[in-house]
PDB file of N, CA and C in Angstrom:
ATOM      1  N   MET A   1       0.853  -1.175   0.000  1.00  0.00           N
ATOM      2  CA  MET A   1       0.000   0.000   0.000  1.00  0.00           C
ATOM      3  C   MET A   1       0.895   1.233   0.000  1.00  0.00           C
ATOM      4  N   GLY A   2       0.600   2.199  -0.869  1.00  0.00           N
ATOM      5  CA  GLY A   2       1.417   3.397  -0.998  1.00  0.00           C
ATOM      6  C   GLY A   2       1.210   4.376   0.149  1.00  0.00           C
ATOM      7  N   LEU A   3       2.150   5.278   0.286  1.00  0.00           N
ATOM      8  CA  LEU A   3       2.124   6.288   1.340  1.00  0.00           C
ATOM      9  C   LEU A   3       0.869   7.150   1.243  1.00  0.00           C
ATOM     10  N   ARG A   4       0.492   7.526   0.042  1.00  0.00           N
ATOM     11  CA  ARG A   4      -0.700   8.367  -0.128  1.00  0.00           C
ATOM     12  C   ARG A   4      -1.949   7.650   0.357  1.00  0.00           C
ATOM     13  N   LYS A   5      -2.068   6.340   0.049  1.00  0.00           N
ATOM     14  CA  LYS A   5      -3.239   5.577   0.478  1.00  0.00           C
ATOM     15  C   LYS A   5      -3.290   5.438   1.998  1.00  0.00           C
ATOM     16  N   ILE A   6      -2.133   5.212   2.597  1.00  0.00           N
ATOM     17  CA  ILE A   6      -2.071   5.095   4.057  1.00  0.00           C
ATOM     18  C   ILE A   6      -2.491   6.414   4.696  1.00  0.00           C
ATOM     19  N   ALA A   7      -1.916   7.504   4.216  1.00  0.00           N
ATOM     20  CA  ALA A   7      -2.246   8.814   4.770  1.00  0.00           C
ATOM     21  C   ALA A   7      -3.722   9.128   4.575  1.00  0.00           C
ATOM     22  N   ASP A   8      -4.263   8.756   3.420  1.00  0.00           N
ATOM     23  CA  ASP A   8      -5.674   9.000   3.140  1.00  0.00           C
ATOM     24  C   ASP A   8      -6.554   8.260   4.138  1.00  0.00           C
ATOM     25  N   ARG A   9      -6.181   7.041   4.459  1.00  0.00           N
ATOM     26  CA  ARG A   9      -6.959   6.273   5.443  1.00  0.00           C
ATOM     27  C   ARG A   9      -6.884   6.911   6.823  1.00  0.00           C
ATOM     28  N   VAL A  10      -5.699   7.373   7.203  1.00  0.00           N
ATOM     29  CA  VAL A  10      -5.544   8.024   8.502  1.00  0.00           C
ATOM     30  C   VAL A  10      -6.384   9.288   8.561  1.00  0.00           C
ATOM     31  N   ILE A  11      -6.356  10.065   7.498  1.00  0.00           N
ATOM     32  CA  ILE A  11      -7.093  11.321   7.462  1.00  0.00           C
ATOM     33  C   ILE A  11      -8.590  11.085   7.575  1.00  0.00           C
ATOM     34  N   HIS A  12      -9.081   9.986   7.033  1.00  0.00           N
ATOM     35  CA  HIS A  12     -10.514   9.729   7.043  1.00  0.00           C
ATOM     36  C   HIS A  12     -10.985   8.943   8.264  1.00  0.00           C
ATOM     37  N   THR A  13     -10.151   8.832   9.277  1.00  0.00           N
ATOM     38  CA  THR A  13     -10.593   8.209  10.517  1.00  0.00           C
ATOM     39  C   THR A  13     -11.443   9.200  11.286  1.00  0.00           C
ATOM     40  N   SER A  14     -11.883   8.806  12.454  1.00  0.00           N
ATOM     41  CA  SER A  14     -12.725   9.688  13.257  1.00  0.00           C
ATOM     42  C   SER A  14     -11.973  10.934  13.728  1.00  0.00           C
ATOM     43  N   LEU A  15     -10.655  10.923  13.631  1.00  0.00           N
ATOM     44  CA  LEU A  15      -9.895  12.100  14.036  1.00  0.00           C
ATOM     45  C   LEU A  15     -10.045  13.245  13.048  1.00  0.00           C
ATOM     46  N   GLY A  16     -10.346  12.933  11.806  1.00  0.00           N
ATOM     47  CA  GLY A  16     -10.619  13.945  10.790  1.00  0.00           C
ATOM     48  C   GLY A  16      -9.494  14.942  10.589  1.00  0.00           C
ATOM     49  N   GLY A  17      -9.811  16.231  10.751  1.00  0.00           N
ATOM     50  CA  GLY A  17      -8.877  17.308  10.484  1.00  0.00           C
ATOM     51  C   GLY A  17      -7.620  17.247  11.322  1.00  0.00           C
ATOM     52  N   ALA A  18      -7.728  16.816  12.578  1.00  0.00           N
ATOM     53  CA  ALA A  18      -6.553  16.717  13.443  1.00  0.00           C
ATOM     54  C   ALA A  18      -5.560  15.710  12.871  1.00  0.00           C
ATOM     55  N   ALA A  19      -6.064  14.584  12.395  1.00  0.00           N
ATOM     56  CA  ALA A  19      -5.189  13.569  11.791  1.00  0.00           C
ATOM     57  C   ALA A  19      -4.536  14.110  10.532  1.00  0.00           C
ATOM     58  N   SER A  20      -5.304  14.851   9.767  1.00  0.00           N
ATOM     59  CA  SER A  20      -4.773  15.442   8.543  1.00  0.00           C
ATOM     60  C   SER A  20      -3.595  16.357   8.846  1.00  0.00           C
ATOM     61  N   ARG A  21      -3.731  17.184   9.855  1.00  0.00           N
ATOM     62  CA  ARG A  21      -2.650  18.102  10.217  1.00  0.00           C
ATOM     63  C   ARG A  21      -1.419  17.345  10.701  1.00  0.00           C
ATOM     64  N   VAL A  22      -1.610  16.315  11.503  1.00  0.00           N
ATOM     65  CA  VAL A  22      -0.481  15.526  12.020  1.00  0.00           C
ATOM     66  C   VAL A  22       0.259  14.847  10.875  1.00  0.00           C
ATOM     67  N   VAL A  23      -0.498  14.225   9.969  1.00  0.00           N
ATOM     68  CA  VAL A  23       0.120  13.526   8.834  1.00  0.00           C
ATOM     69  C   VAL A  23       0.872  14.513   7.949  1.00  0.00           C
ATOM     70  N   ASN A  24       0.230  15.639   7.615  1.00  0.00           N
ATOM     71  CA  ASN A  24       0.884  16.601   6.736  1.00  0.00           C
ATOM     72  C   ASN A  24       2.107  17.228   7.376  1.00  0.00           C
ATOM     73  N   ARG A  25       2.061  17.514   8.675  1.00  0.00           N
ATOM     74  CA  ARG A  25       3.249  18.061   9.352  1.00  0.00           C
ATOM     75  C   ARG A  25       4.381  17.041   9.353  1.00  0.00           C
ATOM     76  N   SER A  26       4.055  15.788   9.588  1.00  0.00           N
ATOM     77  CA  SER A  26       5.081  14.738   9.593  1.00  0.00           C
ATOM     78  C   SER A  26       5.704  14.576   8.212  1.00  0.00           C
ATOM     79  N   LEU A  27       4.872  14.564   7.197  1.00  0.00           N
ATOM     80  CA  LEU A  27       5.374  14.411   5.830  1.00  0.00           C
ATOM     81  C   LEU A  27       6.150  15.642   5.372  1.00  0.00           C
ATOM     82  N   HIS A  28       5.771  16.812   5.897  1.00  0.00           N
ATOM     83  CA  HIS A  28       6.470  18.047   5.528  1.00  0.00           C
ATOM     84  C   HIS A  28       7.954  17.964   5.874  1.00  0.00           C
ATOM     85  N   HIS A  29       8.272  17.306   6.989  1.00  0.00           N
ATOM     86  CA  HIS A  29       9.675  17.138   7.393  1.00  0.00           C
ATOM     87  C   HIS A  29      10.449  16.279   6.392  1.00  0.00           C
ATOM     88  N   LEU A  30       9.726  15.475   5.630  1.00  0.00           N
ATOM     89  CA  LEU A  30      10.356  14.639   4.605  1.00  0.00           C
ATOM     90  C   LEU A  30      10.320  15.308   3.233  1.00  0.00           C
ATOM     91  N   GLY A  31       9.788  16.534   3.194  1.00  0.00           N
ATOM     92  CA  GLY A  31       9.681  17.243   1.921  1.00  0.00           C
ATOM     93  C   GLY A  31       8.494  16.797   1.085  1.00  0.00           C
ATOM     94  N   LEU A  32       7.499  16.175   1.728  1.00  0.00           N
ATOM     95  CA  LEU A  32       6.311  15.684   1.024  1.00  0.00           C
ATOM     96  C   LEU A  32       5.073  16.430   1.478  1.00  0.00           C
ATOM     97  N   GLN A  33       4.068  16.430   0.631  1.00  0.00           N
ATOM     98  CA  GLN A  33       2.800  17.062   0.970  1.00  0.00           C
ATOM     99  C   GLN A  33       1.673  16.306   0.292  1.00  0.00           C
ATOM    100  N   ILE A  34       0.604  16.059   1.038  1.00  0.00           N
ATOM    101  CA  ILE A  34      -0.593  15.439   0.465  1.00  0.00           C
ATOM    102  C   ILE A  34      -1.606  16.547   0.280  1.00  0.00           C
ATOM    103  N   ASP A  35      -2.108  16.658  -0.915  1.00  0.00           N
ATOM    104  CA  ASP A  35      -3.048  17.720  -1.213  1.00  0.00           C
ATOM    105  C   ASP A  35      -4.103  17.184  -2.166  1.00  0.00           C
ATOM    106  N   ARG A  36      -5.325  17.458  -1.875  1.00  0.00           N
ATOM    107  CA  ARG A  36      -6.408  17.054  -2.762  1.00  0.00           C
ATOM    108  C   ARG A  36      -6.693  18.199  -3.720  1.00  0.00           C
ATOM    109  N   VAL A  37      -6.907  17.862  -4.958  1.00  0.00           N
ATOM    110  CA  VAL A  37      -7.190  18.873  -5.965  1.00  0.00           C
ATOM    111  C   VAL A  37      -8.630  18.705  -6.417  1.00  0.00           C
ATOM    112  N   SER A  38      -9.390  19.770  -6.261  1.00  0.00           N
ATOM    113  CA  SER A  38     -10.795  19.708  -6.644  1.00  0.00           C
ATOM    114  C   SER A  38     -10.944  19.816  -8.155  1.00  0.00           C
ATOM    115  N   PRO A  39     -12.033  19.303  -8.682  1.00  0.00           N
ATOM    116  CA  PRO A  39     -12.293  19.432 -10.118  1.00  0.00           C
ATOM    117  C   PRO A  39     -12.390  20.902 -10.541  1.00  0.00           C
ATOM    118  N   GLU A  40     -12.849  21.753  -9.611  1.00  0.00           N
ATOM    119  CA  GLU A  40     -12.957  23.182  -9.921  1.00  0.00           C
ATOM    120  C   GLU A  40     -11.588  23.792 -10.191  1.00  0.00           C
ATOM    121  N   LEU A  41     -10.584  23.427  -9.381  1.00  0.00           N
ATOM    122  CA  LEU A  41      -9.234  23.932  -9.614  1.00  0.00           C
ATOM    123  C   LEU A  41      -8.677  23.419 -10.935  1.00  0.00           C
ATOM    124  N   ARG A  42      -8.911  22.168 -11.217  1.00  0.00           N
ATOM    125  CA  ARG A  42      -8.416  21.595 -12.478  1.00  0.00           C
ATOM    126  C   ARG A  42      -9.053  22.253 -13.700  1.00  0.00           C
ATOM    127  N   ALA A  43     -10.273  22.771 -13.539  1.00  0.00           N
ATOM    128  CA  ALA A  43     -10.981  23.389 -14.661  1.00  0.00           C
ATOM    129  C   ALA A  43     -10.572  24.840 -14.889  1.00  0.00           C
ATOM    130  N   LEU A  44      -9.894  25.467 -13.956  1.00  0.00           N
ATOM    131  CA  LEU A  44      -9.565  26.893 -14.070  1.00  0.00           C
ATOM    132  C   LEU A  44      -8.849  27.281 -15.367  1.00  0.00           C
ATOM    133  N   PRO A  45      -7.870  26.520 -15.850  1.00  0.00           N
ATOM    134  CA  PRO A  45      -7.185  26.939 -17.077  1.00  0.00           C
ATOM    135  C   PRO A  45      -8.108  27.096 -18.285  1.00  0.00           C
ATOM    136  N   SER A  46      -9.200  26.397 -18.308  1.00  0.00           N
ATOM    137  CA  SER A  46     -10.109  26.465 -19.456  1.00  0.00           C
ATOM    138  C   SER A  46     -10.851  27.803 -19.538  1.00  0.00           C
ATOM    139  N   TYR A  47     -10.805  28.611 -18.497  1.00  0.00           N
ATOM    140  CA  TYR A  47     -11.520  29.887 -18.484  1.00  0.00           C
ATOM    141  C   TYR A  47     -10.699  31.055 -19.017  1.00  0.00           C
ATOM    142  N   ASN A  48      -9.416  30.839 -19.338  1.00  0.00           N
ATOM    143  CA  ASN A  48      -8.563  31.892 -19.886  1.00  0.00           C
ATOM    144  C   ASN A  48      -8.551  33.135 -18.986  1.00  0.00           C
ATOM    145  N   ILE A  49      -8.315  32.940 -17.709  1.00  0.00           N
ATOM    146  CA  ILE A  49      -8.337  34.003 -16.707  1.00  0.00           C
ATOM    147  C   ILE A  49      -7.073  34.858 -16.825  1.00  0.00           C
ATOM    148  N   LYS A  50      -7.254  36.178 -16.795  1.00  0.00           N
ATOM    149  CA  LYS A  50      -6.129  37.115 -16.900  1.00  0.00           C
ATOM    150  C   LYS A  50      -5.746  37.712 -15.542  1.00  0.00           C
ATOM    151  N   THR A  51      -6.730  37.927 -14.678  1.00  0.00           N
ATOM    152  CA  THR A  51      -6.510  38.548 -13.370  1.00  0.00           C
ATOM    153  C   THR A  51      -7.389  37.863 -12.342  1.00  0.00           C
ATOM    154  N   VAL A  52      -6.850  37.669 -11.138  1.00  0.00           N
ATOM    155  CA  VAL A  52      -7.613  37.070 -10.042  1.00  0.00           C
ATOM    156  C   VAL A  52      -7.674  38.071  -8.900  1.00  0.00           C
ATOM    157  N   LEU A  53      -8.883  38.338  -8.400  1.00  0.00           N
ATOM    158  CA  LEU A  53      -9.081  39.147  -7.207  1.00  0.00           C
ATOM    159  C   LEU A  53      -9.464  38.194  -6.083  1.00  0.00           C
ATOM    160  N   ASP A  54      -8.597  38.057  -5.117  1.00  0.00           N
ATOM    161  CA  ASP A  54      -8.855  37.164  -3.983  1.00  0.00           C
ATOM    162  C   ASP A  54      -9.225  38.037  -2.794  1.00  0.00           C
ATOM    163  N   ILE A  55     -10.522  38.188  -2.567  1.00  0.00           N
ATOM    164  CA  ILE A  55     -11.029  39.031  -1.497  1.00  0.00           C
ATOM    165  C   ILE A  55     -11.180  38.164  -0.243  1.00  0.00           C
ATOM    166  N   GLY A  56     -10.551  38.585   0.838  1.00  0.00           N
ATOM    167  CA  GLY A  56     -10.520  37.760   2.041  1.00  0.00           C
ATOM    168  C   GLY A  56      -9.512  36.644   1.858  1.00  0.00           C
ATOM    169  N   ALA A  57      -8.316  37.028   1.419  1.00  0.00           N
ATOM    170  CA  ALA A  57      -7.294  36.062   1.006  1.00  0.00           C
ATOM    171  C   ALA A  57      -6.706  35.252   2.159  1.00  0.00           C
ATOM    172  N   SER A  58      -6.986  35.652   3.376  1.00  0.00           N
ATOM    173  CA  SER A  58      -6.506  34.915   4.545  1.00  0.00           C
ATOM    174  C   SER A  58      -4.986  34.773   4.494  1.00  0.00           C
ATOM    175  N   TYR A  59      -4.490  33.542   4.546  1.00  0.00           N
ATOM    176  CA  TYR A  59      -3.045  33.275   4.549  1.00  0.00           C
ATOM    177  C   TYR A  59      -2.467  33.140   3.149  1.00  0.00           C
ATOM    178  N   GLY A  60      -3.284  33.290   2.133  1.00  0.00           N
ATOM    179  CA  GLY A  60      -2.818  33.097   0.759  1.00  0.00           C
ATOM    180  C   GLY A  60      -2.989  31.681   0.287  1.00  0.00           C
ATOM    181  N   ASP A  61      -3.852  30.932   0.973  1.00  0.00           N
ATOM    182  CA  ASP A  61      -4.019  29.519   0.626  1.00  0.00           C
ATOM    183  C   ASP A  61      -4.612  29.321  -0.773  1.00  0.00           C
ATOM    184  N   PHE A  62      -5.528  30.200  -1.214  1.00  0.00           N
ATOM    185  CA  PHE A  62      -6.062  30.032  -2.564  1.00  0.00           C
ATOM    186  C   PHE A  62      -4.978  30.290  -3.607  1.00  0.00           C
ATOM    187  N   LEU A  63      -4.174  31.308  -3.373  1.00  0.00           N
ATOM    188  CA  LEU A  63      -3.061  31.592  -4.285  1.00  0.00           C
ATOM    189  C   LEU A  63      -2.155  30.369  -4.407  1.00  0.00           C
ATOM    190  N   LEU A  64      -1.808  29.777  -3.295  1.00  0.00           N
ATOM    191  CA  LEU A  64      -0.919  28.609  -3.306  1.00  0.00           C
ATOM    192  C   LEU A  64      -1.553  27.413  -4.011  1.00  0.00           C
ATOM    193  N   ARG A  65      -2.857  27.222  -3.820  1.00  0.00           N
ATOM    194  CA  ARG A  65      -3.532  26.070  -4.432  1.00  0.00           C
ATOM    195  C   ARG A  65      -3.826  26.293  -5.913  1.00  0.00           C
ATOM    196  N   ALA A  66      -4.136  27.542  -6.282  1.00  0.00           N
ATOM    197  CA  ALA A  66      -4.531  27.820  -7.663  1.00  0.00           C
ATOM    198  C   ALA A  66      -3.341  28.081  -8.586  1.00  0.00           C
ATOM    199  N   ARG A  67      -2.225  28.539  -8.041  1.00  0.00           N
ATOM    200  CA  ARG A  67      -1.091  28.929  -8.885  1.00  0.00           C
ATOM    201  C   ARG A  67      -0.621  27.826  -9.830  1.00  0.00           C
ATOM    202  N   PRO A  68      -0.540  26.568  -9.410  1.00  0.00           N
ATOM    203  CA  PRO A  68      -0.117  25.532 -10.365  1.00  0.00           C
ATOM    204  C   PRO A  68      -1.043  25.407 -11.585  1.00  0.00           C
ATOM    205  N   PHE A  69      -2.299  25.773 -11.419  1.00  0.00           N
ATOM    206  CA  PHE A  69      -3.273  25.667 -12.501  1.00  0.00           C
ATOM    207  C   PHE A  69      -3.407  26.978 -13.273  1.00  0.00           C
ATOM    208  N   LEU A  70      -2.972  28.074 -12.635  1.00  0.00           N
ATOM    209  CA  LEU A  70      -3.053  29.399 -13.247  1.00  0.00           C
ATOM    210  C   LEU A  70      -1.691  30.087 -13.152  1.00  0.00           C
ATOM    211  N   PRO A  71      -0.722  29.656 -13.931  1.00  0.00           N
ATOM    212  CA  PRO A  71       0.613  30.255 -13.815  1.00  0.00           C
ATOM    213  C   PRO A  71       0.702  31.667 -14.387  1.00  0.00           C
ATOM    214  N   GLY A  72      -0.185  32.044 -15.289  1.00  0.00           N
ATOM    215  CA  GLY A  72      -0.078  33.328 -15.955  1.00  0.00           C
ATOM    216  C   GLY A  72      -0.763  34.512 -15.284  1.00  0.00           C
ATOM    217  N   PRO A  73      -1.976  34.351 -14.768  1.00  0.00           N
ATOM    218  CA  PRO A  73      -2.708  35.498 -14.245  1.00  0.00           C
ATOM    219  C   PRO A  73      -2.029  36.179 -13.056  1.00  0.00           C
ATOM    220  N   PHE A  74      -2.280  37.471 -12.937  1.00  0.00           N
ATOM    221  CA  PHE A  74      -1.807  38.230 -11.783  1.00  0.00           C
ATOM    222  C   PHE A  74      -2.857  38.115 -10.686  1.00  0.00           C
ATOM    223  N   PHE A  75      -2.427  37.857  -9.471  1.00  0.00           N
ATOM    224  CA  PHE A  75      -3.318  37.730  -8.319  1.00  0.00           C
ATOM    225  C   PHE A  75      -3.244  39.000  -7.480  1.00  0.00           C
ATOM    226  N   HIS A  76      -4.394  39.620  -7.214  1.00  0.00           N
ATOM    227  CA  HIS A  76      -4.506  40.736  -6.281  1.00  0.00           C
ATOM    228  C   HIS A  76      -5.201  40.172  -5.046  1.00  0.00           C
ATOM    229  N   CYS A  77      -4.477  40.091  -3.948  1.00  0.00           N
ATOM    230  CA  CYS A  77      -4.989  39.436  -2.741  1.00  0.00           C
ATOM    231  C   CYS A  77      -5.290  40.484  -1.670  1.00  0.00           C
ATOM    232  N   PHE A  78      -6.499  40.463  -1.157  1.00  0.00           N
ATOM    233  CA  PHE A  78      -6.934  41.432  -0.152  1.00  0.00           C
ATOM    234  C   PHE A  78      -7.273  40.709   1.145  1.00  0.00           C
ATOM    235  N   GLU A  79      -6.723  41.207   2.259  1.00  0.00           N
ATOM    236  CA  GLU A  79      -7.011  40.643   3.578  1.00  0.00           C
ATOM    237  C   GLU A  79      -7.004  41.775   4.602  1.00  0.00           C
ATOM    238  N   PRO A  80      -8.150  42.041   5.263  1.00  0.00           N
ATOM    239  CA  PRO A  80      -8.231  43.157   6.210  1.00  0.00           C
ATOM    240  C   PRO A  80      -7.657  42.870   7.604  1.00  0.00           C
ATOM    241  N   LEU A  81      -7.545  41.615   8.000  1.00  0.00           N
ATOM    242  CA  LEU A  81      -7.062  41.302   9.353  1.00  0.00           C
ATOM    243  C   LEU A  81      -5.531  41.327   9.393  1.00  0.00           C
ATOM    244  N   PRO A  82      -4.953  42.184  10.239  1.00  0.00           N
ATOM    245  CA  PRO A  82      -3.498  42.364  10.257  1.00  0.00           C
ATOM    246  C   PRO A  82      -2.708  41.079  10.500  1.00  0.00           C
ATOM    247  N   GLU A  83      -3.182  40.216  11.404  1.00  0.00           N
ATOM    248  CA  GLU A  83      -2.430  38.995  11.701  1.00  0.00           C
ATOM    249  C   GLU A  83      -2.421  38.031  10.516  1.00  0.00           C
ATOM    250  N   LEU A  84      -3.482  38.016   9.726  1.00  0.00           N
ATOM    251  CA  LEU A  84      -3.523  37.183   8.523  1.00  0.00           C
ATOM    252  C   LEU A  84      -2.767  37.854   7.373  1.00  0.00           C
ATOM    253  N   TYR A  85      -2.862  39.169   7.300  1.00  0.00           N
ATOM    254  CA  TYR A  85      -2.199  39.915   6.232  1.00  0.00           C
ATOM    255  C   TYR A  85      -0.688  39.716   6.282  1.00  0.00           C
ATOM    256  N   ALA A  86      -0.123  39.655   7.483  1.00  0.00           N
ATOM    257  CA  ALA A  86       1.324  39.441   7.618  1.00  0.00           C
ATOM    258  C   ALA A  86       1.732  38.103   6.984  1.00  0.00           C
ATOM    259  N   SER A  87       0.963  37.066   7.222  1.00  0.00           N
ATOM    260  CA  SER A  87       1.242  35.760   6.611  1.00  0.00           C
ATOM    261  C   SER A  87       1.039  35.807   5.101  1.00  0.00           C
ATOM    262  N   LEU A  88       0.006  36.497   4.671  1.00  0.00           N
ATOM    263  CA  LEU A  88      -0.265  36.650   3.245  1.00  0.00           C
ATOM    264  C   LEU A  88       0.907  37.327   2.536  1.00  0.00           C
ATOM    265  N   GLN A  89       1.473  38.345   3.168  1.00  0.00           N
ATOM    266  CA  GLN A  89       2.612  39.047   2.566  1.00  0.00           C
ATOM    267  C   GLN A  89       3.792  38.103   2.333  1.00  0.00           C
ATOM    268  N   GLU A  90       4.027  37.190   3.246  1.00  0.00           N
ATOM    269  CA  GLU A  90       5.113  36.222   3.082  1.00  0.00           C
ATOM    270  C   GLU A  90       4.886  35.345   1.854  1.00  0.00           C
ATOM    271  N   VAL A  91       3.664  34.916   1.649  1.00  0.00           N
ATOM    272  CA  VAL A  91       3.332  34.079   0.497  1.00  0.00           C
ATOM    273  C   VAL A  91       3.488  34.878  -0.791  1.00  0.00           C
ATOM    274  N   VAL A  92       3.001  36.109  -0.787  1.00  0.00           N
ATOM    275  CA  VAL A  92       3.033  36.955  -1.990  1.00  0.00           C
ATOM    276  C   VAL A  92       4.469  37.328  -2.364  1.00  0.00           C
ATOM    277  N   ARG A  93       5.331  37.494  -1.389  1.00  0.00           N
ATOM    278  CA  ARG A  93       6.737  37.831  -1.672  1.00  0.00           C
ATOM    279  C   ARG A  93       7.418  36.787  -2.546  1.00  0.00           C
ATOM    280  N   ARG A  94       6.964  35.551  -2.473  1.00  0.00           N
ATOM    281  CA  ARG A  94       7.569  34.468  -3.252  1.00  0.00           C
ATOM    282  C   ARG A  94       6.952  34.319  -4.634  1.00  0.00           C
ATOM    283  N   ASP A  95       5.971  35.181  -4.969  1.00  0.00           N
ATOM    284  CA  ASP A  95       5.267  35.078  -6.245  1.00  0.00           C
ATOM    285  C   ASP A  95       5.329  36.434  -6.945  1.00  0.00           C
ATOM    286  N   SER A  96       6.060  36.517  -8.031  1.00  0.00           N
ATOM    287  CA  SER A  96       6.236  37.794  -8.738  1.00  0.00           C
ATOM    288  C   SER A  96       4.969  38.262  -9.432  1.00  0.00           C
ATOM    289  N   ARG A  97       3.976  37.388  -9.549  1.00  0.00           N
ATOM    290  CA  ARG A  97       2.732  37.749 -10.223  1.00  0.00           C
ATOM    291  C   ARG A  97       1.576  37.838  -9.228  1.00  0.00           C
ATOM    292  N   ALA A  98       1.905  38.322  -8.008  1.00  0.00           N
ATOM    293  CA  ALA A  98       0.888  38.482  -6.984  1.00  0.00           C
ATOM    294  C   ALA A  98       1.219  39.702  -6.126  1.00  0.00           C
ATOM    295  N   LYS A  99       0.167  40.317  -5.607  1.00  0.00           N
ATOM    296  CA  LYS A  99       0.334  41.495  -4.759  1.00  0.00           C
ATOM    297  C   LYS A  99      -0.688  41.433  -3.634  1.00  0.00           C
ATOM    298  N   ALA A 100      -0.252  41.768  -2.430  1.00  0.00           N
ATOM    299  CA  ALA A 100      -1.157  41.802  -1.279  1.00  0.00           C
ATOM    300  C   ALA A 100      -1.588  43.236  -1.043  1.00  0.00           C
TER     301      ALA A 100
END
């Protein structure tokens, strides 16, 4: 049984989100990440998007998840909460086609 299948089973136990965080943190130390990709994200390239406005961008999680599917568009990310905005700025600094 592969690592992804094992992790998937652990994540779907009664522990739910807590198990997911433990597994992902453990795998992160090995340079691995388990991430589910929704059909909506996979469909994004078909829309020929030029600009993305991410209102309530939080930590920049949408930017991180969507960027592999949308390498070209510029992302304008807005977050009003200062503690979240600081984290968002760190994510945006690593992306030349994004601004917080």
